[in-house]
Amino acid sequence: MRSRRWWPIAAAVLSATLFWFGTGLRPVPWCTWIAPIPILVLAPRCSARAVLATASVAWLAGQTPMWGYFLNTVQIPPVMVVLLLLGSALLFGLVLIAYRGLTLRGHPLMAVGVVPAAWVVIEYALSLVTPNGAWWSLAYTQADVLPVIQLASATGPWGVTFLLMGAPAAAAALLTPGAAGRVRVAVAAAVVAAVAAGYGFWQLRPVDAGTAGKVALLATDRSIDPVAVTDPEGRALLAGYLSRIPALAERGADVVVLPEKAFRADEADLPLLAGPLSRLASGHCLDIILGLVLTRDGREYNAAIDFPSDGGPPVEYVKRHLVPGLESEFEAGTAQAFVPGSGGRWAIAICFDLDFPDLVRGYRRGGATALFVPAWDFGDDAWLHSRMAITRGIENGLTVTRASRQGALTVSDPNGRLLAEARTTGASFVSVVADLPDRAVSTPYTRFGDWFAWACALLLAAMGAGGAFARQRGGISARAWPAAGSASRRRPPRRLRRQLSA
């Protein structure tokens, strides 16, 4: 039928639209679940070449909003952007070809499994080989869907990605008329869904817990670039922070976190910051954590300094993961840092550090129960980057407090519940105060790390070996057929009829 010629175009447009809304800087969570379905349903009905083209175009079109963000906002080199977006589109097409081949050879369960396993392996590999860590993952699209994102505490983000790609693959298999093994697919999908949902709701069960104090986050967007504390603008900004911290102390704050790179100072200028902040911290019995650009011995550092409540010496932390390109002038740090007096329970990190699961996991394995994070976002990515930080907290069962300018102030508990949130806006100062939970959660991810990603790699290898063995035994060759009941359906060739009758 001539109308079938339009199926690939219709599937590409529909999937691209759903990917557009279901991924990116502020995704619609339910769109992510169904975005691959049109392409997956189409795959067994078209040639491999058509599937590759349709799937790649759908993925690439769905990622269109990210071109400007990558190129202009975070200033990733154009070659890297092309490789990431075009490469991921091609990989998506290849995954769909694998699904098609296994479906047509009569292995629906393997076909369903290959889609999520392959995509998990792709995401994990990119987190290892690119300088941006685990920035690129479908898992963050579900950061506000708490029963789903709880799976990250067992599997890392990779388990959530597995669900997001496995569910549409199972749905497509069940929607394929005449496909063998649909009962096995339905049973397997139901079991996985039940286990994931049960785990998620169990993690969110009510737990009696006290508070370990209060944290306050304070930020303003009035100054975009780091300002020298010796400049009039820098002195005015410091005065603005100093005048507002006592009110936060009156609200019970034990720790006040200010944004990343709020000021610029060298060894000679640092006392202009350290003096008043140290006096304020000791006078009000609270810790003040400030992000700044610190120049020392001719080298620049993206640093955070904690001024302790007891008037003791300040504690410095140097950002360990620097944003490629944008922070090439800085020296990276290598050490952890903790708030004095917390007994190693409250740790310090900076913004981009939380794009790397191993850094947060290392803190949690060292006994940290809360993480204080000065940050600086780019406005449009406020939701996404804050949710990445919240996901790190869920993975490792700790509280994350993040004070970002041009972004969001967020406090989340070990299960990712938002205890406080506010967007920074314009020239005004914005603050939130929240209780710090007096608990942390021991998670499988903290203990075993990226075991699930490696399990997916082994599963993928096993399915590849099984498919090769089936082909050696003369399995049914992959061939696109019209939908069941189509008027244009043809009889299989004589050789294929002999195989079917055997």
Protein backbone atom coordinates (compact mmCIF):
# COMPACT_ATOMS: atom_id res chain seq x y z
CA MET A 1 0.00 0.00 0.00
CA ARG A 2 1.26 3.47 -0.85
CA SER A 3 0.31 4.78 2.58
CA ARG A 4 3.02 2.57 4.08
CA ARG A 5 5.64 4.79 2.47
CA TRP A 6 4.68 7.51 4.92
CA TRP A 7 5.05 5.34 8.00
CA PRO A 8 8.77 6.11 8.54
CA ILE A 9 8.13 9.84 8.18
CA ALA A 10 5.19 9.75 10.59
CA ALA A 11 7.15 7.66 13.11
CA ALA A 12 10.18 9.97 12.88
CA VAL A 13 8.07 13.10 13.40
CA LEU A 14 6.18 11.62 16.34
CA SER A 15 9.27 10.26 18.09
CA ALA A 16 11.24 13.45 17.44
CA THR A 17 8.44 15.53 18.99
CA LEU A 18 8.33 13.31 22.06
CA PHE A 19 12.12 13.35 22.42
CA TRP A 20 12.00 17.15 22.09
CA PHE A 21 9.69 17.40 25.10
CA GLY A 22 11.00 14.36 26.97
CA THR A 23 14.71 15.27 27.05
CA GLY A 24 16.72 18.47 27.30
CA LEU A 25 16.96 21.17 29.96
CA ARG A 26 13.42 20.86 31.36
CA PRO A 27 11.92 17.55 30.22
CA VAL A 28 8.35 16.34 30.55
CA PRO A 29 8.91 12.97 32.31
CA TRP A 30 6.11 10.94 30.71
CA CYS A 31 7.22 11.91 27.20
CA THR A 32 10.56 10.20 27.79
CA TRP A 33 8.86 6.86 28.38
CA ILE A 34 6.94 6.79 25.12
CA ALA A 35 9.27 8.68 22.75
CA PRO A 36 10.95 5.55 21.26
CA ILE A 37 7.70 3.59 20.75
CA PRO A 38 6.79 4.82 17.23
CA ILE A 39 10.23 3.92 15.87
CA LEU A 40 10.27 0.57 17.69
CA VAL A 41 6.84 -0.38 16.35
CA LEU A 42 7.97 0.55 12.85
CA ALA A 43 11.30 -1.32 12.98
CA PRO A 44 10.15 -4.89 12.07
CA ARG A 45 8.09 -3.52 9.18
CA CYS A 46 10.91 -1.69 7.35
CA SER A 47 14.32 -2.40 5.94
CA ALA A 48 17.38 -1.99 8.11
CA ARG A 49 18.43 1.05 6.09
CA ALA A 50 15.06 2.72 6.64
CA VAL A 51 15.16 1.97 10.37
CA LEU A 52 18.66 3.44 10.71
CA ALA A 53 17.68 6.61 8.87
CA THR A 54 14.36 7.05 10.65
CA ALA A 55 15.69 6.41 14.16
CA SER A 56 18.77 8.61 13.68
CA VAL A 57 16.75 11.50 12.30
CA ALA A 58 14.18 11.20 15.12
CA TRP A 59 16.85 11.29 17.83
CA LEU A 60 18.80 14.11 16.20
CA ALA A 61 15.69 16.24 15.66
CA GLY A 62 14.62 15.63 19.25
CA GLN A 63 17.97 16.98 20.49
CA THR A 64 17.75 20.18 18.43
CA PRO A 65 17.32 22.48 21.49
CA MET A 66 20.66 21.26 22.88
CA TRP A 67 22.75 22.61 19.98
CA GLY A 68 22.55 26.19 21.19
CA TYR A 69 23.13 25.21 24.80
CA PHE A 70 26.24 23.18 24.01
CA LEU A 71 27.73 25.65 21.54
CA ASN A 72 26.85 29.02 23.05
CA THR A 73 26.12 28.51 26.74
CA VAL A 74 28.67 25.96 27.93
CA GLN A 75 30.91 26.61 24.91
CA ILE A 76 31.76 23.01 24.07
CA PRO A 77 33.97 22.89 20.96
CA PRO A 78 31.84 22.45 17.82
CA VAL A 79 33.65 19.25 16.87
CA MET A 80 32.71 17.71 20.23
CA VAL A 81 29.10 18.83 19.86
CA VAL A 82 28.85 17.29 16.39
CA LEU A 83 30.42 14.05 17.60
CA LEU A 84 28.11 13.86 20.60
CA LEU A 85 24.81 14.64 18.88
CA LEU A 86 25.42 13.01 15.51
CA GLY A 87 27.19 10.09 17.14
CA SER A 88 24.38 9.47 19.62
CA ALA A 89 21.83 9.66 16.78
CA LEU A 90 23.75 7.04 14.80
CA LEU A 91 24.07 4.81 17.86
CA PHE A 92 20.34 5.06 18.48
CA GLY A 93 19.74 3.95 14.91
CA LEU A 94 22.10 0.98 15.31
CA VAL A 95 20.35 -0.09 18.52
CA LEU A 96 17.03 -0.05 16.65
CA ILE A 97 18.54 -2.20 13.88
CA ALA A 98 19.57 -4.75 16.49
CA TYR A 99 16.01 -4.73 17.88
CA ARG A 100 14.63 -5.24 14.38
CA GLY A 101 16.93 -8.14 13.59
CA LEU A 102 16.21 -10.03 16.80
CA THR A 103 12.47 -9.48 16.42
CA LEU A 104 12.42 -10.87 12.88
CA ARG A 105 14.51 -13.87 13.90
CA GLY A 106 11.91 -14.81 16.48
CA HIS A 107 13.77 -13.64 19.64
CA PRO A 108 11.41 -11.00 21.06
CA LEU A 109 12.73 -11.19 24.61
CA MET A 110 16.30 -10.65 23.41
CA ALA A 111 15.08 -7.85 21.16
CA VAL A 112 13.47 -6.10 24.11
CA GLY A 113 16.56 -6.60 26.27
CA VAL A 114 19.07 -5.34 23.74
CA VAL A 115 17.55 -1.83 23.60
CA PRO A 116 17.97 -0.82 27.28
CA ALA A 117 21.19 -2.79 27.77
CA ALA A 118 22.85 -1.16 24.77
CA TRP A 119 21.76 2.33 25.75
CA VAL A 120 23.03 1.89 29.31
CA VAL A 121 26.39 0.77 27.95
CA ILE A 122 26.48 3.81 25.64
CA GLU A 123 25.69 6.22 28.48
CA TYR A 124 28.22 4.61 30.80
CA ALA A 125 30.95 4.60 28.16
CA LEU A 126 30.36 8.30 27.48
CA SER A 127 30.62 9.05 31.20
CA LEU A 128 34.06 7.43 31.19
CA VAL A 129 35.55 8.80 27.96
CA THR A 130 34.18 12.34 27.87
CA PRO A 131 35.33 15.14 30.22
CA ASN A 132 31.77 15.87 31.34
CA GLY A 133 31.22 12.84 33.56
CA ALA A 134 27.70 11.46 33.85
CA TRP A 135 26.15 14.66 32.50
CA TRP A 136 24.47 12.90 29.59
CA SER A 137 21.86 10.46 30.86
CA LEU A 138 18.15 9.94 30.37
CA ALA A 139 17.85 9.17 34.09
CA TYR A 140 17.71 12.84 35.09
CA THR A 141 14.43 13.26 33.20
CA GLN A 142 12.80 11.38 36.09
CA ALA A 143 14.43 13.33 38.93
CA ASP A 144 11.08 14.70 40.10
CA VAL A 145 9.33 11.30 39.81
CA LEU A 146 10.51 10.03 43.18
CA PRO A 147 9.36 6.37 43.02
CA VAL A 148 11.27 5.96 39.74
CA ILE A 149 14.47 7.84 40.57
CA GLN A 150 14.89 5.81 43.81
CA LEU A 151 16.29 3.03 41.64
CA ALA A 152 19.47 5.12 41.33
CA SER A 153 20.29 4.24 44.95
CA ALA A 154 20.74 0.61 43.86
CA THR A 155 21.98 0.89 40.28
CA GLY A 156 23.15 4.45 39.79
CA PRO A 157 21.50 6.38 36.94
CA TRP A 158 21.98 3.36 34.69
CA GLY A 159 19.05 1.42 36.16
CA VAL A 160 16.68 4.32 35.52
CA THR A 161 17.89 4.52 31.92
CA PHE A 162 17.29 0.77 31.59
CA LEU A 163 13.66 1.25 32.60
CA LEU A 164 13.19 4.24 30.30
CA MET A 165 14.39 2.30 27.25
CA GLY A 166 13.14 -1.13 28.28
CA ALA A 167 9.52 -0.12 28.85
CA PRO A 168 8.93 1.24 25.32
CA ALA A 169 10.78 -1.74 23.81
CA ALA A 170 8.46 -4.13 25.67
CA ALA A 171 5.40 -2.09 24.65
CA ALA A 172 6.48 -2.17 21.00
CA ALA A 173 7.01 -5.94 21.11
CA LEU A 174 3.52 -6.42 22.52
CA LEU A 175 2.10 -4.16 19.79
CA THR A 176 3.68 -6.19 16.99
CA PRO A 177 0.95 -8.44 15.51
CA GLY A 178 1.87 -12.08 15.15
CA ALA A 179 5.15 -11.76 17.05
CA ALA A 180 6.13 -14.93 18.86
CA GLY A 181 6.96 -14.97 22.55
CA ARG A 182 4.77 -12.05 23.54
CA VAL A 183 3.72 -13.84 26.72
CA ARG A 184 7.35 -14.12 27.84
CA VAL A 185 7.88 -10.43 27.10
CA ALA A 186 4.76 -9.47 29.06
CA VAL A 187 5.77 -11.57 32.07
CA ALA A 188 9.36 -10.30 32.08
CA ALA A 189 8.21 -6.67 31.75
CA ALA A 190 5.68 -7.09 34.55
CA VAL A 191 8.28 -8.61 36.88
CA VAL A 192 10.82 -5.83 36.21
CA ALA A 193 8.17 -3.14 36.65
CA ALA A 194 6.93 -4.68 39.89
CA VAL A 195 10.43 -4.96 41.35
CA ALA A 196 11.35 -1.40 40.37
CA ALA A 197 8.09 0.06 41.68
CA GLY A 198 8.25 -1.95 44.88
CA TYR A 199 11.81 -0.85 45.54
CA GLY A 200 10.95 2.79 44.82
CA PHE A 201 7.99 2.94 47.18
CA TRP A 202 9.87 0.98 49.84
CA GLN A 203 12.67 3.55 49.73
CA LEU A 204 10.11 6.32 50.23
CA ARG A 205 8.48 4.72 53.27
CA PRO A 206 8.12 7.04 56.29
CA VAL A 207 11.18 7.01 58.54
CA ASP A 208 11.50 8.62 61.96
CA ALA A 209 14.47 10.98 61.84
CA GLY A 210 15.61 14.03 63.71
CA THR A 211 17.46 17.10 62.51
CA ALA A 212 21.18 17.81 62.63
CA GLY A 213 20.69 21.57 62.48
CA LYS A 214 19.65 24.05 59.83
CA VAL A 215 21.27 25.16 56.61
CA ALA A 216 20.71 28.46 54.82
CA LEU A 217 21.46 29.18 51.17
CA LEU A 218 21.98 32.79 50.02
CA ALA A 219 22.68 34.01 46.49
CA THR A 220 22.21 36.88 44.07
CA ASP A 221 22.66 37.33 40.33
CA ARG A 222 23.53 41.03 40.65
CA SER A 223 27.13 40.36 39.61
CA ILE A 224 27.73 37.76 36.92
CA ASP A 225 31.53 37.66 36.69
CA PRO A 226 33.66 37.10 39.79
CA VAL A 227 34.31 40.58 41.22
CA ALA A 228 37.51 41.62 42.97
CA VAL A 229 36.90 42.31 46.62
CA THR A 230 39.01 45.46 46.26
CA ASP A 231 36.65 46.99 43.66
CA PRO A 232 33.67 49.13 44.70
CA GLU A 233 31.31 46.54 43.21
CA GLY A 234 33.04 43.80 45.16
CA ARG A 235 32.84 45.74 48.44
CA ALA A 236 29.15 46.43 47.83
CA LEU A 237 28.47 42.75 47.10
CA LEU A 238 30.29 41.69 50.27
CA ALA A 239 28.33 44.23 52.29
CA GLY A 240 25.10 42.82 50.86
CA TYR A 241 25.99 39.31 51.98
CA LEU A 242 27.24 40.44 55.39
CA SER A 243 24.04 42.39 56.07
CA ARG A 244 21.79 39.41 55.33
CA ILE A 245 23.59 36.59 57.12
CA PRO A 246 22.58 37.72 60.67
CA ALA A 247 18.89 37.37 59.73
CA LEU A 248 19.58 33.79 58.62
CA ALA A 249 21.32 33.13 61.93
CA GLU A 250 18.22 34.38 63.73
CA ARG A 251 16.21 31.81 61.80
CA GLY A 252 18.40 29.09 63.31
CA ALA A 253 20.93 28.50 60.53
CA ASP A 254 24.01 26.55 61.59
CA VAL A 255 25.62 26.73 58.13
CA VAL A 256 25.27 29.40 55.43
CA VAL A 257 26.31 28.48 51.88
CA LEU A 258 27.07 31.20 49.30
CA PRO A 259 27.54 30.68 45.54
CA GLU A 260 30.55 29.65 43.47
CA LYS A 261 33.03 32.32 42.25
CA ALA A 262 31.23 35.14 44.03
CA PHE A 263 34.52 37.03 44.50
CA ARG A 264 38.06 37.20 43.21
CA ALA A 265 40.97 37.56 45.61
CA ASP A 266 44.69 36.88 45.97
CA GLU A 267 46.80 36.36 49.08
CA ALA A 268 47.04 40.09 49.72
CA ASP A 269 43.29 40.73 49.29
CA LEU A 270 41.98 37.62 51.02
CA PRO A 271 41.93 39.22 54.52
CA LEU A 272 39.34 41.70 53.21
CA LEU A 273 37.01 38.70 52.83
CA ALA A 274 38.27 36.45 55.59
CA GLY A 275 38.26 39.09 58.30
CA PRO A 276 34.58 40.12 58.27
CA LEU A 277 33.31 36.65 57.37
CA SER A 278 35.30 35.00 60.18
CA ARG A 279 34.05 37.54 62.71
CA LEU A 280 30.48 37.10 61.53
CA ALA A 281 30.76 33.30 61.66
CA SER A 282 32.17 33.19 65.19
CA GLY A 283 29.87 35.98 66.42
CA HIS A 284 26.74 34.13 65.32
CA CYS A 285 28.04 30.57 65.92
CA LEU A 286 27.59 29.38 62.35
CA ASP A 287 29.77 28.19 59.49
CA ILE A 288 29.91 30.32 56.34
CA ILE A 289 30.97 28.64 53.11
CA LEU A 290 31.96 30.98 50.30
CA GLY A 291 32.96 30.26 46.69
CA LEU A 292 35.67 32.42 45.14
CA VAL A 293 38.44 32.60 42.56
CA LEU A 294 41.65 32.44 44.58
CA THR A 295 45.04 33.41 43.16
CA ARG A 296 48.05 31.99 44.96
CA ASP A 297 51.67 31.73 43.80
CA GLY A 298 50.68 32.80 40.30
CA ARG A 299 48.05 30.07 39.96
CA GLU A 300 44.28 30.40 39.98
CA TYR A 301 41.94 28.09 41.84
CA ASN A 302 38.17 27.70 41.88
CA ALA A 303 37.88 27.39 45.64
CA ALA A 304 35.41 27.25 48.47
CA ILE A 305 36.40 28.45 51.94
CA ASP A 306 34.59 27.47 55.12
CA PHE A 307 34.83 30.01 57.95
CA PRO A 308 34.14 27.93 61.09
CA SER A 309 31.65 28.81 63.79
CA ASP A 310 34.29 28.44 66.53
CA GLY A 311 36.60 31.05 65.01
CA GLY A 312 39.18 28.42 64.03
CA PRO A 313 41.32 28.54 60.89
CA PRO A 314 39.37 28.53 57.61
CA VAL A 315 39.12 25.28 55.64
CA GLU A 316 39.81 25.46 51.89
CA TYR A 317 38.46 23.20 49.19
CA VAL A 318 39.61 23.37 45.56
CA LYS A 319 37.25 22.23 42.82
CA ARG A 320 38.39 18.83 41.57
CA HIS A 321 36.51 18.69 38.25
CA LEU A 322 36.80 21.77 36.06
CA VAL A 323 34.41 22.60 33.22
CA PRO A 324 36.28 21.87 29.95
CA GLY A 325 37.13 25.06 28.09
CA LEU A 326 35.40 27.47 30.48
CA GLU A 327 37.77 26.74 33.37
CA SER A 328 40.98 25.91 31.54
CA GLU A 329 42.86 28.64 33.44
CA PHE A 330 42.32 26.98 36.83
CA GLU A 331 44.32 24.35 38.66
CA ALA A 332 42.27 21.34 39.75
CA GLY A 333 42.17 20.19 43.33
CA THR A 334 42.79 16.65 44.55
CA ALA A 335 41.57 16.52 48.16
CA GLN A 336 38.31 16.23 50.03
CA ALA A 337 37.25 18.84 52.57
CA PHE A 338 34.88 18.70 55.53
CA VAL A 339 33.18 21.25 57.76
CA PRO A 340 35.14 21.50 61.03
CA GLY A 341 33.23 20.29 64.05
CA SER A 342 30.98 17.98 62.03
CA GLY A 343 33.14 14.95 62.65
CA GLY A 344 33.57 14.39 58.92
CA ARG A 345 29.80 14.21 58.41
CA TRP A 346 29.43 17.43 56.39
CA ALA A 347 31.47 17.65 53.21
CA ILE A 348 32.21 20.41 50.67
CA ALA A 349 32.14 20.25 46.85
CA ILE A 350 31.67 22.76 44.02
CA CYS A 351 29.08 22.68 41.22
CA PHE A 352 30.53 20.58 38.35
CA ASP A 353 32.04 18.15 40.88
CA LEU A 354 28.57 16.66 41.27
CA ASP A 355 28.46 15.61 37.61
CA PHE A 356 30.86 12.82 38.62
CA PRO A 357 29.23 10.04 40.66
CA ASP A 358 32.55 8.68 41.94
CA LEU A 359 33.38 11.94 43.75
CA VAL A 360 30.16 11.93 45.76
CA ARG A 361 30.43 8.19 46.30
CA GLY A 362 33.92 8.70 47.73
CA TYR A 363 32.60 11.25 50.21
CA ARG A 364 29.79 8.93 51.30
CA ARG A 365 32.14 5.99 51.75
CA GLY A 366 34.24 8.30 53.93
CA GLY A 367 31.28 8.90 56.24
CA ALA A 368 29.72 12.09 54.85
CA THR A 369 25.99 12.50 55.46
CA ALA A 370 25.51 15.94 53.89
CA LEU A 371 27.16 17.86 51.06
CA PHE A 372 27.43 21.66 50.88
CA VAL A 373 27.86 22.92 47.33
CA PRO A 374 28.53 26.48 46.10
CA ALA A 375 27.48 26.51 42.43
CA TRP A 376 27.02 28.65 39.33
CA ASP A 377 24.64 27.66 36.55
CA PHE A 378 23.69 29.24 33.22
CA GLY A 379 20.07 30.19 33.82
CA ASP A 380 18.37 27.85 31.35
CA ASP A 381 19.93 24.75 32.91
CA ALA A 382 18.90 25.56 36.49
CA TRP A 383 16.42 22.69 36.73
CA LEU A 384 18.60 20.08 35.05
CA HIS A 385 21.82 20.81 36.90
CA SER A 386 20.11 20.99 40.28
CA ARG A 387 18.44 17.63 39.60
CA MET A 388 21.73 16.05 38.67
CA ALA A 389 23.00 17.06 42.11
CA ILE A 390 19.86 15.68 43.75
CA THR A 391 20.37 12.38 41.88
CA ARG A 392 23.90 12.14 43.33
CA GLY A 393 22.34 12.44 46.77
CA ILE A 394 19.84 9.65 46.03
CA GLU A 395 22.59 7.39 44.69
CA ASN A 396 24.52 7.67 47.94
CA GLY A 397 21.79 8.37 50.48
CA LEU A 398 22.94 11.79 51.64
CA THR A 399 21.58 15.33 51.90
CA VAL A 400 22.63 17.78 49.20
CA THR A 401 22.48 21.55 49.73
CA ARG A 402 23.34 23.57 46.63
CA ALA A 403 23.55 27.37 46.41
CA SER A 404 23.74 28.42 42.78
CA ARG A 405 23.65 31.84 41.21
CA GLN A 406 21.95 32.05 37.82
CA GLY A 407 20.26 28.87 38.96
CA ALA A 408 18.41 27.41 41.92
CA LEU A 409 18.90 27.12 45.65
CA THR A 410 17.99 23.54 46.57
CA VAL A 411 18.09 21.36 49.67
CA SER A 412 17.21 17.68 49.17
CA ASP A 413 17.08 14.79 51.61
CA PRO A 414 18.73 11.36 51.08
CA ASN A 415 15.72 10.20 49.00
CA GLY A 416 15.66 13.26 46.78
CA ARG A 417 12.72 15.01 48.44
CA LEU A 418 13.01 18.76 48.04
CA LEU A 419 13.15 20.37 51.47
CA ALA A 420 13.58 23.86 50.02
CA GLU A 421 13.91 25.41 46.57
CA ALA A 422 14.09 28.93 45.13
CA ARG A 423 15.29 30.45 41.87
CA THR A 424 17.80 33.27 41.93
CA THR A 425 16.51 36.27 40.05
CA GLY A 426 18.08 39.50 38.81
CA ALA A 427 19.68 41.82 41.30
CA SER A 428 17.79 40.70 44.41
CA PHE A 429 19.18 38.46 47.11
CA VAL A 430 17.36 35.14 47.48
CA SER A 431 17.60 32.80 50.46
CA VAL A 432 16.11 29.59 51.82
CA VAL A 433 16.45 27.89 55.21
CA ALA A 434 15.84 24.17 55.77
CA ASP A 435 16.41 21.48 58.37
CA LEU A 436 19.32 19.12 57.82
CA PRO A 437 18.13 15.52 58.24
CA ASP A 438 20.01 13.70 60.95
CA ARG A 439 20.38 10.59 58.87
CA ALA A 440 21.95 9.08 55.81
CA VAL A 441 20.98 5.96 53.88
CA SER A 442 23.33 3.09 53.13
CA THR A 443 22.83 2.27 49.46
CA PRO A 444 23.96 -0.57 47.20
CA TYR A 445 25.35 2.00 44.78
CA THR A 446 27.70 3.41 47.42
CA ARG A 447 28.98 -0.08 48.13
CA PHE A 448 29.12 -1.62 44.65
CA GLY A 449 29.37 1.38 42.32
CA ASP A 450 28.56 0.91 38.62
CA TRP A 451 27.84 -2.79 38.85
CA PHE A 452 24.61 -2.43 36.88
CA ALA A 453 26.31 -0.82 33.89
CA TRP A 454 28.80 -3.69 33.79
CA ALA A 455 25.95 -6.21 34.10
CA CYS A 456 24.32 -4.60 31.05
CA ALA A 457 27.61 -4.91 29.17
CA LEU A 458 27.76 -8.62 30.02
CA LEU A 459 24.11 -9.06 29.02
CA LEU A 460 24.78 -7.35 25.72
CA ALA A 461 27.78 -9.58 25.08
CA ALA A 462 25.76 -12.68 25.93
CA MET A 463 22.95 -11.67 23.57
CA GLY A 464 25.47 -10.97 20.82
CA ALA A 465 27.00 -14.41 21.28
CA GLY A 466 23.54 -16.01 21.35
CA GLY A 467 22.51 -14.23 18.16
CA ALA A 468 25.68 -15.33 16.39
CA PHE A 469 25.11 -18.92 17.47
CA ALA A 470 21.52 -18.80 16.19
CA ARG A 471 22.68 -17.52 12.80
CA GLN A 472 25.24 -20.33 12.53
CA ARG A 473 22.44 -22.83 13.04
CA GLY A 474 20.60 -21.37 10.05
CA GLY A 475 18.00 -19.28 11.82
CA ILE A 476 15.32 -17.38 9.93
CA SER A 477 16.85 -14.49 8.06
CA ALA A 478 15.81 -10.98 8.98
CA ARG A 479 13.28 -9.62 6.54
CA ALA A 480 10.78 -6.76 6.77
CA TRP A 481 7.14 -7.77 6.41
CA PRO A 482 3.97 -5.74 6.25
CA ALA A 483 1.74 -5.56 9.28
CA ALA A 484 -0.50 -8.51 10.00
CA GLY A 485 -3.70 -8.38 7.97
CA SER A 486 -2.27 -6.04 5.35
CA ALA A 487 -3.72 -6.51 1.86
CA SER A 488 -0.23 -6.31 0.40
CA ARG A 489 1.20 -9.13 2.50
CA ARG A 490 3.20 -11.59 0.43
CA ARG A 491 3.88 -15.27 0.93
CA PRO A 492 7.31 -16.07 2.33
CA PRO A 493 9.84 -17.45 -0.16
CA ARG A 494 10.00 -21.25 -0.64
CA ARG A 495 13.17 -21.66 1.43
CA LEU A 496 11.60 -19.79 4.36
CA ARG A 497 8.40 -21.89 4.11
CA ARG A 498 10.48 -25.06 4.39
CA GLN A 499 12.14 -23.70 7.55
CA LEU A 500 8.81 -22.74 9.08
CA SER A 501 7.25 -26.14 8.31
CA ALA A 502 10.26 -27.89 9.83
